[in-house]
Amino acid sequence: MISCLVVSATTARRHKCKELTTVENFDINSYASAKWYVHEQAETIYLPKEENYCVTADYTVKDKPTFWGYTVGVSNEAQDADGDKTGGELCAIRDPDYPDNPSKLAVAPCFFPPKWLAGPYWIVAYDEAEGYALISGGQPDKPTQNGLCTTGRGFNNSGLWIFSRSQERDEQLINKVYTIAEDAGIDTSVLNDVDQSDCDESERNDVSLYLRRN
């Protein structure tokens, strides 16, 4: 019995999730200065793998806070294999639980108070010169078999993304961000590739029409 407890305690220590740190001296204006192309993302209830095509994110710093205090506009877009688009407009604010940390944001529909529905959006790594960003949907708190941790797959406290300023996939850069994530204690096995090819609207629709006819 005692040996079982010792094994359980050792396992718990081994699988304790590493506290996630985010970008220091984060500049939201720089971050929001151009479109981001998503090259890797984890599947969640609102991000099915079937829509891992041409995924982009645009951010706009608002001139003044909204009624609910949101300071950033968020525009997400994705497509499925047939070129059908999904996405929408959201808003972001500093995470209410971490108001002094500008790289810990929270995102929600613009018409809801952030305390009600806003989910964490934490910028774990960001380099404008190299053109990448690593984003986690909050603190990973679910230990995995390899000793790392993940977030959930629901609406909030979920998600993991690798962004690039370039729509063209750069495997070397993506692998670098994978390493950053794993060093931070994040299990990257949840990530899936996003297809950023044939993202011109007319081109993708032509391909879709050809596939349907054949």
C-alpha atoms as a PDB file:
ATOM      1  CA  MET A   1       0.000   0.000   0.000  1.00  0.00           C
ATOM      2  CA  ILE A   2       2.811   2.389   0.965  1.00  0.00           C
ATOM      3  CA  SER A   3       4.730   1.591  -2.214  1.00  0.00           C
ATOM      4  CA  CYS A   4       1.623   2.365  -4.289  1.00  0.00           C
ATOM      5  CA  LEU A   5       1.296   5.745  -2.600  1.00  0.00           C
ATOM      6  CA  VAL A   6       4.958   6.499  -3.260  1.00  0.00           C
ATOM      7  CA  VAL A   7       4.553   5.595  -6.944  1.00  0.00           C
ATOM      8  CA  SER A   8       1.415   7.759  -7.187  1.00  0.00           C
ATOM      9  CA  ALA A   9       3.168  10.713  -5.543  1.00  0.00           C
ATOM     10  CA  THR A  10       6.182  10.328  -7.824  1.00  0.00           C
ATOM     11  CA  THR A  11       3.926  10.203 -10.884  1.00  0.00           C
ATOM     12  CA  ALA A  12       2.066  13.317  -9.742  1.00  0.00           C
ATOM     13  CA  ARG A  13       5.344  15.187  -9.334  1.00  0.00           C
ATOM     14  CA  ARG A  14       6.553  13.996 -12.739  1.00  0.00           C
ATOM     15  CA  HIS A  15       3.367  15.212 -14.388  1.00  0.00           C
ATOM     16  CA  LYS A  16       3.041  18.545 -12.631  1.00  0.00           C
ATOM     17  CA  CYS A  17       2.452  21.142 -15.310  1.00  0.00           C
ATOM     18  CA  LYS A  18       5.123  23.777 -15.770  1.00  0.00           C
ATOM     19  CA  GLU A  19       3.956  27.330 -15.105  1.00  0.00           C
ATOM     20  CA  LEU A  20       3.614  29.024 -18.466  1.00  0.00           C
ATOM     21  CA  THR A  21       5.353  32.347 -18.953  1.00  0.00           C
ATOM     22  CA  THR A  22       4.440  34.809 -21.678  1.00  0.00           C
ATOM     23  CA  VAL A  23       6.224  37.480 -23.699  1.00  0.00           C
ATOM     24  CA  GLU A  24       7.896  40.258 -21.760  1.00  0.00           C
ATOM     25  CA  ASN A  25       7.636  43.869 -22.987  1.00  0.00           C
ATOM     26  CA  PHE A  26       4.841  42.834 -25.340  1.00  0.00           C
ATOM     27  CA  ASP A  27       3.818  45.465 -27.908  1.00  0.00           C
ATOM     28  CA  ILE A  28       0.243  44.930 -29.065  1.00  0.00           C
ATOM     29  CA  ASN A  29       0.591  47.565 -31.785  1.00  0.00           C
ATOM     30  CA  SER A  30       3.463  45.671 -33.369  1.00  0.00           C
ATOM     31  CA  TYR A  31       1.653  42.367 -32.968  1.00  0.00           C
ATOM     32  CA  ALA A  32      -1.467  43.763 -34.648  1.00  0.00           C
ATOM     33  CA  SER A  33       0.424  45.516 -37.456  1.00  0.00           C
ATOM     34  CA  ALA A  34      -0.152  42.826 -40.119  1.00  0.00           C
ATOM     35  CA  LYS A  35      -2.098  39.659 -40.851  1.00  0.00           C
ATOM     36  CA  TRP A  36      -1.095  36.375 -39.243  1.00  0.00           C
ATOM     37  CA  TYR A  37      -1.231  33.063 -41.079  1.00  0.00           C
ATOM     38  CA  VAL A  38      -1.924  30.022 -38.922  1.00  0.00           C
ATOM     39  CA  HIS A  39       0.291  27.064 -39.843  1.00  0.00           C
ATOM     40  CA  GLU A  40      -0.386  24.800 -36.867  1.00  0.00           C
ATOM     41  CA  GLN A  41      -3.333  24.630 -34.517  1.00  0.00           C
ATOM     42  CA  ALA A  42      -4.874  22.264 -31.998  1.00  0.00           C
ATOM     43  CA  GLU A  43      -8.346  20.917 -32.585  1.00  0.00           C
ATOM     44  CA  THR A  44     -11.035  22.300 -30.273  1.00  0.00           C
ATOM     45  CA  ILE A  45     -14.812  22.286 -30.258  1.00  0.00           C
ATOM     46  CA  TYR A  46     -14.771  25.519 -32.294  1.00  0.00           C
ATOM     47  CA  LEU A  47     -11.761  24.615 -34.486  1.00  0.00           C
ATOM     48  CA  PRO A  48     -12.461  21.257 -36.161  1.00  0.00           C
ATOM     49  CA  LYS A  49      -9.686  19.737 -38.260  1.00  0.00           C
ATOM     50  CA  GLU A  50     -12.011  19.829 -41.262  1.00  0.00           C
ATOM     51  CA  GLU A  51     -11.532  23.610 -41.333  1.00  0.00           C
ATOM     52  CA  ASN A  52      -7.728  23.610 -41.265  1.00  0.00           C
ATOM     53  CA  TYR A  53      -7.430  25.480 -44.550  1.00  0.00           C
ATOM     54  CA  CYS A  54      -6.331  29.060 -45.165  1.00  0.00           C
ATOM     55  CA  VAL A  55      -6.698  30.025 -41.494  1.00  0.00           C
ATOM     56  CA  THR A  56      -5.822  33.651 -40.766  1.00  0.00           C
ATOM     57  CA  ALA A  57      -6.058  36.085 -37.884  1.00  0.00           C
ATOM     58  CA  ASP A  58      -6.200  39.884 -38.057  1.00  0.00           C
ATOM     59  CA  TYR A  59      -6.013  42.196 -35.059  1.00  0.00           C
ATOM     60  CA  THR A  60      -6.914  45.870 -34.808  1.00  0.00           C
ATOM     61  CA  VAL A  61      -6.065  48.077 -31.836  1.00  0.00           C
ATOM     62  CA  LYS A  62      -9.133  50.177 -31.089  1.00  0.00           C
ATOM     63  CA  ASP A  63      -8.913  53.950 -30.728  1.00  0.00           C
ATOM     64  CA  LYS A  64     -10.752  53.682 -27.429  1.00  0.00           C
ATOM     65  CA  PRO A  65     -12.141  50.814 -25.340  1.00  0.00           C
ATOM     66  CA  THR A  66     -15.616  49.506 -26.104  1.00  0.00           C
ATOM     67  CA  PHE A  67     -18.476  49.655 -23.613  1.00  0.00           C
ATOM     68  CA  TRP A  68     -17.218  46.412 -22.060  1.00  0.00           C
ATOM     69  CA  GLY A  69     -13.609  47.559 -22.084  1.00  0.00           C
ATOM     70  CA  TYR A  70     -12.332  45.616 -25.094  1.00  0.00           C
ATOM     71  CA  THR A  71      -9.293  47.240 -26.688  1.00  0.00           C
ATOM     72  CA  VAL A  72      -8.532  44.940 -29.632  1.00  0.00           C
ATOM     73  CA  GLY A  73     -10.653  43.756 -32.545  1.00  0.00           C
ATOM     74  CA  VAL A  74     -10.148  40.166 -33.705  1.00  0.00           C
ATOM     75  CA  SER A  75     -11.035  38.854 -37.156  1.00  0.00           C
ATOM     76  CA  ASN A  76     -10.568  35.122 -37.762  1.00  0.00           C
ATOM     77  CA  GLU A  77     -11.140  33.261 -41.008  1.00  0.00           C
ATOM     78  CA  ALA A  78     -10.856  29.622 -42.072  1.00  0.00           C
ATOM     79  CA  GLN A  79     -12.014  27.369 -44.875  1.00  0.00           C
ATOM     80  CA  ASP A  80     -12.910  23.742 -45.333  1.00  0.00           C
ATOM     81  CA  ALA A  81     -11.694  21.523 -48.180  1.00  0.00           C
ATOM     82  CA  ASP A  82     -14.458  22.846 -50.448  1.00  0.00           C
ATOM     83  CA  GLY A  83     -13.487  26.472 -49.903  1.00  0.00           C
ATOM     84  CA  ASP A  84     -16.487  27.266 -47.697  1.00  0.00           C
ATOM     85  CA  LYS A  85     -15.496  29.998 -45.266  1.00  0.00           C
ATOM     86  CA  THR A  86     -16.063  30.241 -41.542  1.00  0.00           C
ATOM     87  CA  GLY A  87     -14.968  32.784 -38.969  1.00  0.00           C
ATOM     88  CA  GLY A  88     -16.146  35.976 -37.419  1.00  0.00           C
ATOM     89  CA  GLU A  89     -15.438  39.087 -35.421  1.00  0.00           C
ATOM     90  CA  LEU A  90     -14.392  38.924 -31.779  1.00  0.00           C
ATOM     91  CA  CYS A  91     -12.844  41.295 -29.260  1.00  0.00           C
ATOM     92  CA  ALA A  92      -9.889  41.067 -26.916  1.00  0.00           C
ATOM     93  CA  ILE A  93      -8.885  42.623 -23.629  1.00  0.00           C
ATOM     94  CA  ARG A  94      -6.122  42.049 -21.128  1.00  0.00           C
ATOM     95  CA  ASP A  95      -6.935  38.872 -19.235  1.00  0.00           C
ATOM     96  CA  PRO A  96      -8.998  40.103 -16.251  1.00  0.00           C
ATOM     97  CA  ASP A  97      -7.064  37.699 -14.011  1.00  0.00           C
ATOM     98  CA  TYR A  98      -3.743  39.249 -15.119  1.00  0.00           C
ATOM     99  CA  PRO A  99      -4.471  42.941 -15.786  1.00  0.00           C
ATOM    100  CA  ASP A 100      -0.816  43.940 -15.465  1.00  0.00           C
ATOM    101  CA  ASN A 101       0.419  41.504 -18.103  1.00  0.00           C
ATOM    102  CA  PRO A 102      -0.123  42.818 -21.659  1.00  0.00           C
ATOM    103  CA  SER A 103       0.771  39.473 -23.287  1.00  0.00           C
ATOM    104  CA  LYS A 104      -2.028  37.667 -21.466  1.00  0.00           C
ATOM    105  CA  LEU A 105      -5.203  38.555 -23.325  1.00  0.00           C
ATOM    106  CA  ALA A 106      -8.739  37.224 -23.212  1.00  0.00           C
ATOM    107  CA  VAL A 107     -11.034  36.914 -26.240  1.00  0.00           C
ATOM    108  CA  ALA A 108     -14.825  36.828 -26.450  1.00  0.00           C
ATOM    109  CA  PRO A 109     -17.795  37.931 -28.556  1.00  0.00           C
ATOM    110  CA  CYS A 110     -17.772  41.728 -28.427  1.00  0.00           C
ATOM    111  CA  PHE A 111     -21.250  42.031 -26.933  1.00  0.00           C
ATOM    112  CA  PHE A 112     -20.505  39.929 -23.822  1.00  0.00           C
ATOM    113  CA  PRO A 113     -18.796  41.186 -20.658  1.00  0.00           C
ATOM    114  CA  PRO A 114     -15.278  39.689 -20.567  1.00  0.00           C
ATOM    115  CA  LYS A 115     -15.837  38.186 -17.118  1.00  0.00           C
ATOM    116  CA  TRP A 116     -18.640  36.047 -18.538  1.00  0.00           C
ATOM    117  CA  LEU A 117     -17.242  34.403 -21.647  1.00  0.00           C
ATOM    118  CA  ALA A 118     -13.740  35.643 -22.411  1.00  0.00           C
ATOM    119  CA  GLY A 119     -11.241  32.838 -22.874  1.00  0.00           C
ATOM    120  CA  PRO A 120      -7.494  33.206 -22.300  1.00  0.00           C
ATOM    121  CA  TYR A 121      -5.284  34.012 -25.263  1.00  0.00           C
ATOM    122  CA  TRP A 122      -1.683  34.071 -24.105  1.00  0.00           C
ATOM    123  CA  ILE A 123       1.239  35.036 -26.334  1.00  0.00           C
ATOM    124  CA  VAL A 124       3.940  32.618 -25.208  1.00  0.00           C
ATOM    125  CA  ALA A 125       6.523  33.619 -27.821  1.00  0.00           C
ATOM    126  CA  TYR A 126       6.645  36.355 -30.433  1.00  0.00           C
ATOM    127  CA  ASP A 127       9.361  37.661 -32.722  1.00  0.00           C
ATOM    128  CA  GLU A 128       8.359  40.260 -35.286  1.00  0.00           C
ATOM    129  CA  ALA A 129      11.732  40.154 -37.039  1.00  0.00           C
ATOM    130  CA  GLU A 130      11.514  36.398 -37.570  1.00  0.00           C
ATOM    131  CA  GLY A 131       7.776  36.576 -38.138  1.00  0.00           C
ATOM    132  CA  TYR A 132       6.367  34.025 -35.714  1.00  0.00           C
ATOM    133  CA  ALA A 133       4.134  33.781 -32.681  1.00  0.00           C
ATOM    134  CA  LEU A 134       3.149  30.968 -30.330  1.00  0.00           C
ATOM    135  CA  ILE A 135      -0.224  31.285 -28.626  1.00  0.00           C
ATOM    136  CA  SER A 136      -1.785  29.149 -25.917  1.00  0.00           C
ATOM    137  CA  GLY A 137      -5.366  29.219 -24.711  1.00  0.00           C
ATOM    138  CA  GLY A 138      -4.214  29.797 -21.162  1.00  0.00           C
ATOM    139  CA  GLN A 139      -2.223  27.677 -18.731  1.00  0.00           C
ATOM    140  CA  PRO A 140      -1.827  24.056 -19.867  1.00  0.00           C
ATOM    141  CA  ASP A 141      -3.154  22.036 -16.932  1.00  0.00           C
ATOM    142  CA  LYS A 142      -3.745  18.559 -18.356  1.00  0.00           C
ATOM    143  CA  PRO A 143      -0.701  16.310 -17.981  1.00  0.00           C
ATOM    144  CA  THR A 144       0.105  13.987 -20.870  1.00  0.00           C
ATOM    145  CA  GLN A 145       2.012  10.744 -20.969  1.00  0.00           C
ATOM    146  CA  ASN A 146       5.251  12.380 -22.041  1.00  0.00           C
ATOM    147  CA  GLY A 147       5.384  14.649 -18.996  1.00  0.00           C
ATOM    148  CA  LEU A 148       4.210  17.752 -20.842  1.00  0.00           C
ATOM    149  CA  CYS A 149       0.774  19.365 -20.587  1.00  0.00           C
ATOM    150  CA  THR A 150      -2.061  20.607 -22.763  1.00  0.00           C
ATOM    151  CA  THR A 151      -5.028  22.902 -22.416  1.00  0.00           C
ATOM    152  CA  GLY A 152      -8.569  21.641 -22.974  1.00  0.00           C
ATOM    153  CA  ARG A 153     -10.674  21.310 -26.129  1.00  0.00           C
ATOM    154  CA  GLY A 154     -13.741  23.302 -25.126  1.00  0.00           C
ATOM    155  CA  PHE A 155     -14.634  26.923 -25.795  1.00  0.00           C
ATOM    156  CA  ASN A 156     -12.361  28.443 -23.145  1.00  0.00           C
ATOM    157  CA  ASN A 157      -9.012  27.445 -21.668  1.00  0.00           C
ATOM    158  CA  SER A 158      -8.284  25.638 -24.904  1.00  0.00           C
ATOM    159  CA  GLY A 159      -6.208  25.879 -28.039  1.00  0.00           C
ATOM    160  CA  LEU A 160      -2.629  26.112 -29.248  1.00  0.00           C
ATOM    161  CA  TRP A 161      -1.432  27.944 -32.354  1.00  0.00           C
ATOM    162  CA  ILE A 162       1.703  28.647 -34.364  1.00  0.00           C
ATOM    163  CA  PHE A 163       1.424  31.846 -36.398  1.00  0.00           C
ATOM    164  CA  SER A 164       3.627  33.175 -39.183  1.00  0.00           C
ATOM    165  CA  ARG A 165       3.658  36.476 -41.006  1.00  0.00           C
ATOM    166  CA  SER A 166       4.226  34.503 -44.203  1.00  0.00           C
ATOM    167  CA  GLN A 167       1.551  32.426 -45.881  1.00  0.00           C
ATOM    168  CA  GLU A 168       4.298  30.224 -47.295  1.00  0.00           C
ATOM    169  CA  ARG A 169       5.151  27.420 -44.914  1.00  0.00           C
ATOM    170  CA  ASP A 170       8.654  27.519 -43.416  1.00  0.00           C
ATOM    171  CA  GLU A 171       9.386  24.137 -41.814  1.00  0.00           C
ATOM    172  CA  GLN A 172      12.574  25.353 -40.155  1.00  0.00           C
ATOM    173  CA  LEU A 173      10.741  28.224 -38.473  1.00  0.00           C
ATOM    174  CA  ILE A 174       7.828  26.021 -37.441  1.00  0.00           C
ATOM    175  CA  ASN A 175      10.187  23.454 -35.948  1.00  0.00           C
ATOM    176  CA  LYS A 176      11.859  26.237 -33.991  1.00  0.00           C
ATOM    177  CA  VAL A 177       8.513  27.257 -32.491  1.00  0.00           C
ATOM    178  CA  TYR A 178       7.740  23.599 -31.718  1.00  0.00           C
ATOM    179  CA  THR A 179      10.923  23.512 -29.655  1.00  0.00           C
ATOM    180  CA  ILE A 180       9.991  26.743 -27.871  1.00  0.00           C
ATOM    181  CA  ALA A 181       6.613  25.265 -26.978  1.00  0.00           C
ATOM    182  CA  GLU A 182       8.059  22.009 -25.668  1.00  0.00           C
ATOM    183  CA  ASP A 183      10.681  23.873 -23.632  1.00  0.00           C
ATOM    184  CA  ALA A 184       7.772  25.792 -22.081  1.00  0.00           C
ATOM    185  CA  GLY A 185       6.158  22.509 -21.023  1.00  0.00           C
ATOM    186  CA  ILE A 186       3.534  22.369 -23.772  1.00  0.00           C
ATOM    187  CA  ASP A 187       2.651  19.085 -25.477  1.00  0.00           C
ATOM    188  CA  THR A 188       2.811  19.849 -29.205  1.00  0.00           C
ATOM    189  CA  SER A 189       1.353  16.483 -30.246  1.00  0.00           C
ATOM    190  CA  VAL A 190      -2.058  18.188 -30.261  1.00  0.00           C
ATOM    191  CA  LEU A 191      -1.055  20.419 -33.187  1.00  0.00           C
ATOM    192  CA  ASN A 192      -2.302  19.762 -36.707  1.00  0.00           C
ATOM    193  CA  ASP A 193      -1.038  21.237 -39.964  1.00  0.00           C
ATOM    194  CA  VAL A 194      -3.003  24.034 -41.617  1.00  0.00           C
ATOM    195  CA  ASP A 195      -3.025  24.008 -45.408  1.00  0.00           C
ATOM    196  CA  GLN A 196      -2.173  27.506 -46.638  1.00  0.00           C
ATOM    197  CA  SER A 197      -1.948  26.543 -50.322  1.00  0.00           C
ATOM    198  CA  ASP A 198      -4.540  27.449 -52.983  1.00  0.00           C
ATOM    199  CA  CYS A 199      -6.010  30.081 -50.697  1.00  0.00           C
ATOM    200  CA  ASP A 200      -7.024  32.479 -53.424  1.00  0.00           C
ATOM    201  CA  GLU A 201     -10.833  32.412 -53.271  1.00  0.00           C
ATOM    202  CA  SER A 202     -11.433  31.867 -56.971  1.00  0.00           C
ATOM    203  CA  GLU A 203      -8.648  29.281 -57.233  1.00  0.00           C
ATOM    204  CA  ARG A 204      -9.950  27.195 -54.327  1.00  0.00           C
ATOM    205  CA  ASN A 205     -13.511  27.362 -55.645  1.00  0.00           C
ATOM    206  CA  ASP A 206     -12.302  26.168 -59.059  1.00  0.00           C
ATOM    207  CA  VAL A 207     -10.549  23.213 -57.427  1.00  0.00           C
ATOM    208  CA  SER A 208     -13.642  22.428 -55.362  1.00  0.00           C
ATOM    209  CA  LEU A 209     -15.864  22.507 -58.461  1.00  0.00           C
ATOM    210  CA  TYR A 210     -13.483  20.195 -60.338  1.00  0.00           C
ATOM    211  CA  LEU A 211     -13.476  17.684 -57.444  1.00  0.00           C
ATOM    212  CA  ARG A 212     -17.264  17.682 -57.241  1.00  0.00           C
ATOM    213  CA  ARG A 213     -17.590  17.038 -60.970  1.00  0.00           C
ATOM    214  CA  ASN A 214     -15.072  14.214 -60.870  1.00  0.00           C
END
